[in-house]
Amino acid sequence: MSTVTPGVAPQRTGPVVGSAAARNVFALIRLSIGWVFLWAFLDKLLGLGFSTPAEGAWLSGGSPTAGFLGNAVSGPFAGAFGSLAGVAWADALFMAGLLGIGAALMLGIGERVAAASGALLLVLMWAAVLPPATNPFMDDHIVMALTLVGLALVNSADTLGLGRWWSGTALVRRFPVLR
């Protein structure tokens, strides 16, 4: 028989998700979304020719925010988002976000912070193009944002990542939000 202390959350001793196959699928989803963020960073940094031509690379003096925020925004927030296009601090913050979110998700370190930051970035990108082109309100940005939240809730970084090790560090034991 176990006792429950009111106001104290019970400590989990095993994985959140019981099925090893499900844990692996969640980990692969985390790695896939991490790669999407990391690839966007690399393409915008180096101008690899996928979304960003070589002459538009950040290292060549291009702006990673100019294309999307300067041309693709629409709807009620178009003016606010459009005014950020090509602004140096917005470029730096956007690139730091892409790199940090992508690397954290790929490594499985700081999954909660990466999931929250990634979800926020995705919701902002969604808000920049309201209403979405193919649906009155729902699009892949919202689906991916919700997926990131779910991945953090099931501790996907513990599988195929450094999450279990990371959660045992003194820093994370002291500040569990960094898990």
C-alpha atoms as a PDB file:
ATOM      1  CA  MET A   1       0.000   0.000   0.000  1.00  0.00           C
ATOM      2  CA  SER A   2       1.344   3.411  -0.883  1.00  0.00           C
ATOM      3  CA  THR A   3       0.704   6.609   0.943  1.00  0.00           C
ATOM      4  CA  VAL A   4      -0.011   9.867  -0.764  1.00  0.00           C
ATOM      5  CA  THR A   5       0.998  13.122   0.845  1.00  0.00           C
ATOM      6  CA  PRO A   6      -1.442  15.918  -0.019  1.00  0.00           C
ATOM      7  CA  GLY A   7       0.174  18.672  -2.072  1.00  0.00           C
ATOM      8  CA  VAL A   8       3.226  16.578  -2.997  1.00  0.00           C
ATOM      9  CA  ALA A   9       3.451  15.046  -6.453  1.00  0.00           C
ATOM     10  CA  PRO A  10       4.428  11.378  -6.444  1.00  0.00           C
ATOM     11  CA  GLN A  11       7.857  10.637  -7.886  1.00  0.00           C
ATOM     12  CA  ARG A  12       7.767   8.600 -11.091  1.00  0.00           C
ATOM     13  CA  THR A  13      10.157   5.688 -11.094  1.00  0.00           C
ATOM     14  CA  GLY A  14       9.659   4.388 -14.645  1.00  0.00           C
ATOM     15  CA  PRO A  15       9.098   5.866 -18.084  1.00  0.00           C
ATOM     16  CA  VAL A  16       6.002   7.993 -18.675  1.00  0.00           C
ATOM     17  CA  VAL A  17       5.083   5.885 -21.713  1.00  0.00           C
ATOM     18  CA  GLY A  18       5.067   2.153 -21.024  1.00  0.00           C
ATOM     19  CA  SER A  19       5.528   0.919 -24.579  1.00  0.00           C
ATOM     20  CA  ALA A  20       9.099   0.869 -25.896  1.00  0.00           C
ATOM     21  CA  ALA A  21       7.772   1.145 -29.463  1.00  0.00           C
ATOM     22  CA  ALA A  22       5.770   4.271 -28.585  1.00  0.00           C
ATOM     23  CA  ARG A  23       8.794   5.805 -26.823  1.00  0.00           C
ATOM     24  CA  ASN A  24      10.867   5.239 -29.952  1.00  0.00           C
ATOM     25  CA  VAL A  25       8.191   6.791 -32.177  1.00  0.00           C
ATOM     26  CA  PHE A  26       7.987   9.853 -29.899  1.00  0.00           C
ATOM     27  CA  ALA A  27      11.785  10.118 -29.938  1.00  0.00           C
ATOM     28  CA  LEU A  28      11.837   9.938 -33.745  1.00  0.00           C
ATOM     29  CA  ILE A  29       9.187  12.660 -33.917  1.00  0.00           C
ATOM     30  CA  ARG A  30      11.326  14.822 -31.575  1.00  0.00           C
ATOM     31  CA  LEU A  31      14.393  14.236 -33.727  1.00  0.00           C
ATOM     32  CA  SER A  32      12.421  15.031 -36.892  1.00  0.00           C
ATOM     33  CA  ILE A  33      11.088  18.313 -35.557  1.00  0.00           C
ATOM     34  CA  GLY A  34      14.541  19.136 -34.178  1.00  0.00           C
ATOM     35  CA  TRP A  35      15.995  18.578 -37.634  1.00  0.00           C
ATOM     36  CA  VAL A  36      13.360  20.878 -39.182  1.00  0.00           C
ATOM     37  CA  PHE A  37      14.522  23.702 -36.883  1.00  0.00           C
ATOM     38  CA  LEU A  38      18.218  22.919 -37.255  1.00  0.00           C
ATOM     39  CA  TRP A  39      17.962  22.637 -41.053  1.00  0.00           C
ATOM     40  CA  ALA A  40      16.158  25.993 -41.265  1.00  0.00           C
ATOM     41  CA  PHE A  41      19.031  27.515 -39.261  1.00  0.00           C
ATOM     42  CA  LEU A  42      21.700  25.982 -41.512  1.00  0.00           C
ATOM     43  CA  ASP A  43      19.909  26.927 -44.737  1.00  0.00           C
ATOM     44  CA  LYS A  44      19.412  30.537 -43.632  1.00  0.00           C
ATOM     45  CA  LEU A  45      22.952  30.797 -42.253  1.00  0.00           C
ATOM     46  CA  LEU A  46      24.727  29.346 -45.297  1.00  0.00           C
ATOM     47  CA  GLY A  47      22.234  29.880 -48.125  1.00  0.00           C
ATOM     48  CA  LEU A  48      22.139  26.228 -49.145  1.00  0.00           C
ATOM     49  CA  GLY A  49      19.611  26.920 -51.894  1.00  0.00           C
ATOM     50  CA  PHE A  50      16.570  25.194 -50.427  1.00  0.00           C
ATOM     51  CA  SER A  51      14.596  28.065 -48.889  1.00  0.00           C
ATOM     52  CA  THR A  52      17.486  30.501 -48.944  1.00  0.00           C
ATOM     53  CA  PRO A  53      19.598  31.199 -52.047  1.00  0.00           C
ATOM     54  CA  ALA A  54      23.362  31.542 -51.571  1.00  0.00           C
ATOM     55  CA  GLU A  55      23.209  35.329 -51.986  1.00  0.00           C
ATOM     56  CA  GLY A  56      20.576  35.535 -49.227  1.00  0.00           C
ATOM     57  CA  ALA A  57      22.676  33.694 -46.619  1.00  0.00           C
ATOM     58  CA  TRP A  58      23.014  35.403 -43.270  1.00  0.00           C
ATOM     59  CA  LEU A  59      26.796  34.958 -43.525  1.00  0.00           C
ATOM     60  CA  SER A  60      26.677  36.806 -46.861  1.00  0.00           C
ATOM     61  CA  GLY A  61      24.817  39.756 -45.362  1.00  0.00           C
ATOM     62  CA  GLY A  62      21.285  38.526 -46.051  1.00  0.00           C
ATOM     63  CA  SER A  63      18.451  38.693 -43.572  1.00  0.00           C
ATOM     64  CA  PRO A  64      16.845  35.465 -42.351  1.00  0.00           C
ATOM     65  CA  THR A  65      13.606  37.295 -41.543  1.00  0.00           C
ATOM     66  CA  ALA A  66      13.286  39.495 -44.629  1.00  0.00           C
ATOM     67  CA  GLY A  67      11.750  36.924 -46.968  1.00  0.00           C
ATOM     68  CA  PHE A  68       8.981  35.564 -44.770  1.00  0.00           C
ATOM     69  CA  LEU A  69       8.204  38.678 -42.742  1.00  0.00           C
ATOM     70  CA  GLY A  70       8.630  40.985 -45.722  1.00  0.00           C
ATOM     71  CA  ASN A  71       6.553  39.041 -48.235  1.00  0.00           C
ATOM     72  CA  ALA A  72       4.471  36.231 -46.729  1.00  0.00           C
ATOM     73  CA  VAL A  73       2.718  37.906 -43.808  1.00  0.00           C
ATOM     74  CA  SER A  74      -0.977  38.644 -44.048  1.00  0.00           C
ATOM     75  CA  GLY A  75      -4.002  39.221 -41.899  1.00  0.00           C
ATOM     76  CA  PRO A  76      -4.567  41.320 -38.815  1.00  0.00           C
ATOM     77  CA  PHE A  77      -0.948  41.273 -37.605  1.00  0.00           C
ATOM     78  CA  ALA A  78       0.727  41.876 -40.981  1.00  0.00           C
ATOM     79  CA  GLY A  79       1.887  45.370 -40.073  1.00  0.00           C
ATOM     80  CA  ALA A  80       3.448  44.315 -36.776  1.00  0.00           C
ATOM     81  CA  PHE A  81       5.229  41.313 -38.252  1.00  0.00           C
ATOM     82  CA  GLY A  82       6.192  43.141 -41.442  1.00  0.00           C
ATOM     83  CA  SER A  83       7.884  45.869 -39.429  1.00  0.00           C
ATOM     84  CA  LEU A  84      10.307  43.259 -38.030  1.00  0.00           C
ATOM     85  CA  ALA A  85      11.493  42.117 -41.463  1.00  0.00           C
ATOM     86  CA  GLY A  86      15.247  42.559 -41.776  1.00  0.00           C
ATOM     87  CA  VAL A  87      15.710  44.131 -38.332  1.00  0.00           C
ATOM     88  CA  ALA A  88      19.090  43.020 -36.966  1.00  0.00           C
ATOM     89  CA  TRP A  89      17.894  42.069 -33.469  1.00  0.00           C
ATOM     90  CA  ALA A  90      14.973  40.092 -34.936  1.00  0.00           C
ATOM     91  CA  ASP A  91      17.352  38.272 -37.285  1.00  0.00           C
ATOM     92  CA  ALA A  92      19.704  37.386 -34.412  1.00  0.00           C
ATOM     93  CA  LEU A  93      16.890  36.289 -32.100  1.00  0.00           C
ATOM     94  CA  PHE A  94      15.255  34.199 -34.835  1.00  0.00           C
ATOM     95  CA  MET A  95      18.521  32.465 -35.737  1.00  0.00           C
ATOM     96  CA  ALA A  96      19.391  31.844 -32.069  1.00  0.00           C
ATOM     97  CA  GLY A  97      15.933  30.354 -31.612  1.00  0.00           C
ATOM     98  CA  LEU A  98      16.245  28.052 -34.622  1.00  0.00           C
ATOM     99  CA  LEU A  99      19.682  26.857 -33.514  1.00  0.00           C
ATOM    100  CA  GLY A 100      18.830  26.484 -29.832  1.00  0.00           C
ATOM    101  CA  ILE A 101      15.506  24.719 -30.379  1.00  0.00           C
ATOM    102  CA  GLY A 102      16.930  22.452 -33.073  1.00  0.00           C
ATOM    103  CA  ALA A 103      20.048  21.487 -31.133  1.00  0.00           C
ATOM    104  CA  ALA A 104      18.163  20.925 -27.869  1.00  0.00           C
ATOM    105  CA  LEU A 105      15.590  18.686 -29.539  1.00  0.00           C
ATOM    106  CA  MET A 106      18.236  16.739 -31.457  1.00  0.00           C
ATOM    107  CA  LEU A 107      20.358  16.192 -28.338  1.00  0.00           C
ATOM    108  CA  GLY A 108      17.453  15.664 -25.951  1.00  0.00           C
ATOM    109  CA  ILE A 109      18.720  18.337 -23.572  1.00  0.00           C
ATOM    110  CA  GLY A 110      16.404  21.006 -22.219  1.00  0.00           C
ATOM    111  CA  GLU A 111      13.380  19.443 -23.908  1.00  0.00           C
ATOM    112  CA  ARG A 112      10.850  21.464 -21.893  1.00  0.00           C
ATOM    113  CA  VAL A 113      12.469  24.804 -22.723  1.00  0.00           C
ATOM    114  CA  ALA A 114      12.944  23.781 -26.364  1.00  0.00           C
ATOM    115  CA  ALA A 115       9.328  22.610 -26.623  1.00  0.00           C
ATOM    116  CA  ALA A 116       7.951  25.807 -25.094  1.00  0.00           C
ATOM    117  CA  SER A 117      10.220  28.030 -27.212  1.00  0.00           C
ATOM    118  CA  GLY A 118       9.529  26.047 -30.365  1.00  0.00           C
ATOM    119  CA  ALA A 119       5.781  26.108 -29.745  1.00  0.00           C
ATOM    120  CA  LEU A 120       5.912  29.883 -29.213  1.00  0.00           C
ATOM    121  CA  LEU A 121       7.902  30.421 -32.423  1.00  0.00           C
ATOM    122  CA  LEU A 122       5.492  28.219 -34.376  1.00  0.00           C
ATOM    123  CA  VAL A 123       2.428  30.023 -32.993  1.00  0.00           C
ATOM    124  CA  LEU A 124       3.996  33.371 -33.922  1.00  0.00           C
ATOM    125  CA  MET A 125       4.632  32.105 -37.461  1.00  0.00           C
ATOM    126  CA  TRP A 126       1.008  30.925 -37.591  1.00  0.00           C
ATOM    127  CA  ALA A 127      -0.207  34.330 -36.393  1.00  0.00           C
ATOM    128  CA  ALA A 128       1.867  36.036 -39.085  1.00  0.00           C
ATOM    129  CA  VAL A 129      -0.150  34.406 -41.880  1.00  0.00           C
ATOM    130  CA  LEU A 130      -3.672  34.495 -40.452  1.00  0.00           C
ATOM    131  CA  PRO A 131      -5.920  33.177 -41.765  1.00  0.00           C
ATOM    132  CA  PRO A 132      -4.073  30.111 -43.066  1.00  0.00           C
ATOM    133  CA  ALA A 133      -4.416  29.501 -46.793  1.00  0.00           C
ATOM    134  CA  THR A 134      -6.132  26.117 -46.613  1.00  0.00           C
ATOM    135  CA  ASN A 135      -8.194  26.222 -43.395  1.00  0.00           C
ATOM    136  CA  PRO A 136     -10.034  28.893 -41.401  1.00  0.00           C
ATOM    137  CA  PHE A 137      -7.654  28.591 -38.428  1.00  0.00           C
ATOM    138  CA  MET A 138      -5.714  25.298 -38.275  1.00  0.00           C
ATOM    139  CA  ASP A 139      -2.423  24.605 -40.037  1.00  0.00           C
ATOM    140  CA  ASP A 140       0.797  22.639 -39.601  1.00  0.00           C
ATOM    141  CA  HIS A 141       2.321  25.279 -37.310  1.00  0.00           C
ATOM    142  CA  ILE A 142      -0.340  24.648 -34.649  1.00  0.00           C
ATOM    143  CA  VAL A 143      -0.132  20.869 -35.078  1.00  0.00           C
ATOM    144  CA  MET A 144       3.660  20.955 -34.664  1.00  0.00           C
ATOM    145  CA  ALA A 145       3.407  23.300 -31.655  1.00  0.00           C
ATOM    146  CA  LEU A 146       0.981  20.936 -29.923  1.00  0.00           C
ATOM    147  CA  THR A 147       3.207  18.003 -30.811  1.00  0.00           C
ATOM    148  CA  LEU A 148       6.189  19.703 -29.161  1.00  0.00           C
ATOM    149  CA  VAL A 149       4.192  20.197 -25.969  1.00  0.00           C
ATOM    150  CA  GLY A 150       3.145  16.551 -26.022  1.00  0.00           C
ATOM    151  CA  LEU A 151       6.711  15.370 -26.567  1.00  0.00           C
ATOM    152  CA  ALA A 152       7.879  17.293 -23.519  1.00  0.00           C
ATOM    153  CA  LEU A 153       5.030  15.847 -21.442  1.00  0.00           C
ATOM    154  CA  VAL A 154       6.078  12.270 -22.259  1.00  0.00           C
ATOM    155  CA  ASN A 155       9.802  12.992 -21.770  1.00  0.00           C
ATOM    156  CA  SER A 156      10.683  11.929 -25.313  1.00  0.00           C
ATOM    157  CA  ALA A 157      14.274  13.076 -24.736  1.00  0.00           C
ATOM    158  CA  ASP A 158      14.829  10.083 -22.448  1.00  0.00           C
ATOM    159  CA  THR A 159      14.742   7.834 -25.537  1.00  0.00           C
ATOM    160  CA  LEU A 160      17.344   8.308 -28.270  1.00  0.00           C
ATOM    161  CA  GLY A 161      18.588  11.405 -26.482  1.00  0.00           C
ATOM    162  CA  LEU A 162      20.502  12.654 -23.482  1.00  0.00           C
ATOM    163  CA  GLY A 163      17.369  13.470 -21.488  1.00  0.00           C
ATOM    164  CA  ARG A 164      17.818  10.875 -18.758  1.00  0.00           C
ATOM    165  CA  TRP A 165      21.418  11.976 -18.157  1.00  0.00           C
ATOM    166  CA  TRP A 166      20.474  15.649 -18.403  1.00  0.00           C
ATOM    167  CA  SER A 167      17.649  15.290 -15.858  1.00  0.00           C
ATOM    168  CA  GLY A 168      20.145  13.852 -13.360  1.00  0.00           C
ATOM    169  CA  THR A 169      22.517  16.816 -13.488  1.00  0.00           C
ATOM    170  CA  ALA A 170      22.731  19.102 -10.459  1.00  0.00           C
ATOM    171  CA  LEU A 171      21.502  22.056 -12.527  1.00  0.00           C
ATOM    172  CA  VAL A 172      18.311  20.312 -13.617  1.00  0.00           C
ATOM    173  CA  ARG A 173      17.689  18.793 -10.189  1.00  0.00           C
ATOM    174  CA  ARG A 174      17.842  22.335  -8.815  1.00  0.00           C
ATOM    175  CA  PHE A 175      15.793  23.875 -11.666  1.00  0.00           C
ATOM    176  CA  PRO A 176      13.481  21.103 -12.994  1.00  0.00           C
ATOM    177  CA  VAL A 177      12.005  23.449 -15.617  1.00  0.00           C
ATOM    178  CA  LEU A 178      15.275  22.951 -17.539  1.00  0.00           C
ATOM    179  CA  ARG A 179      14.537  19.256 -18.031  1.00  0.00           C
END
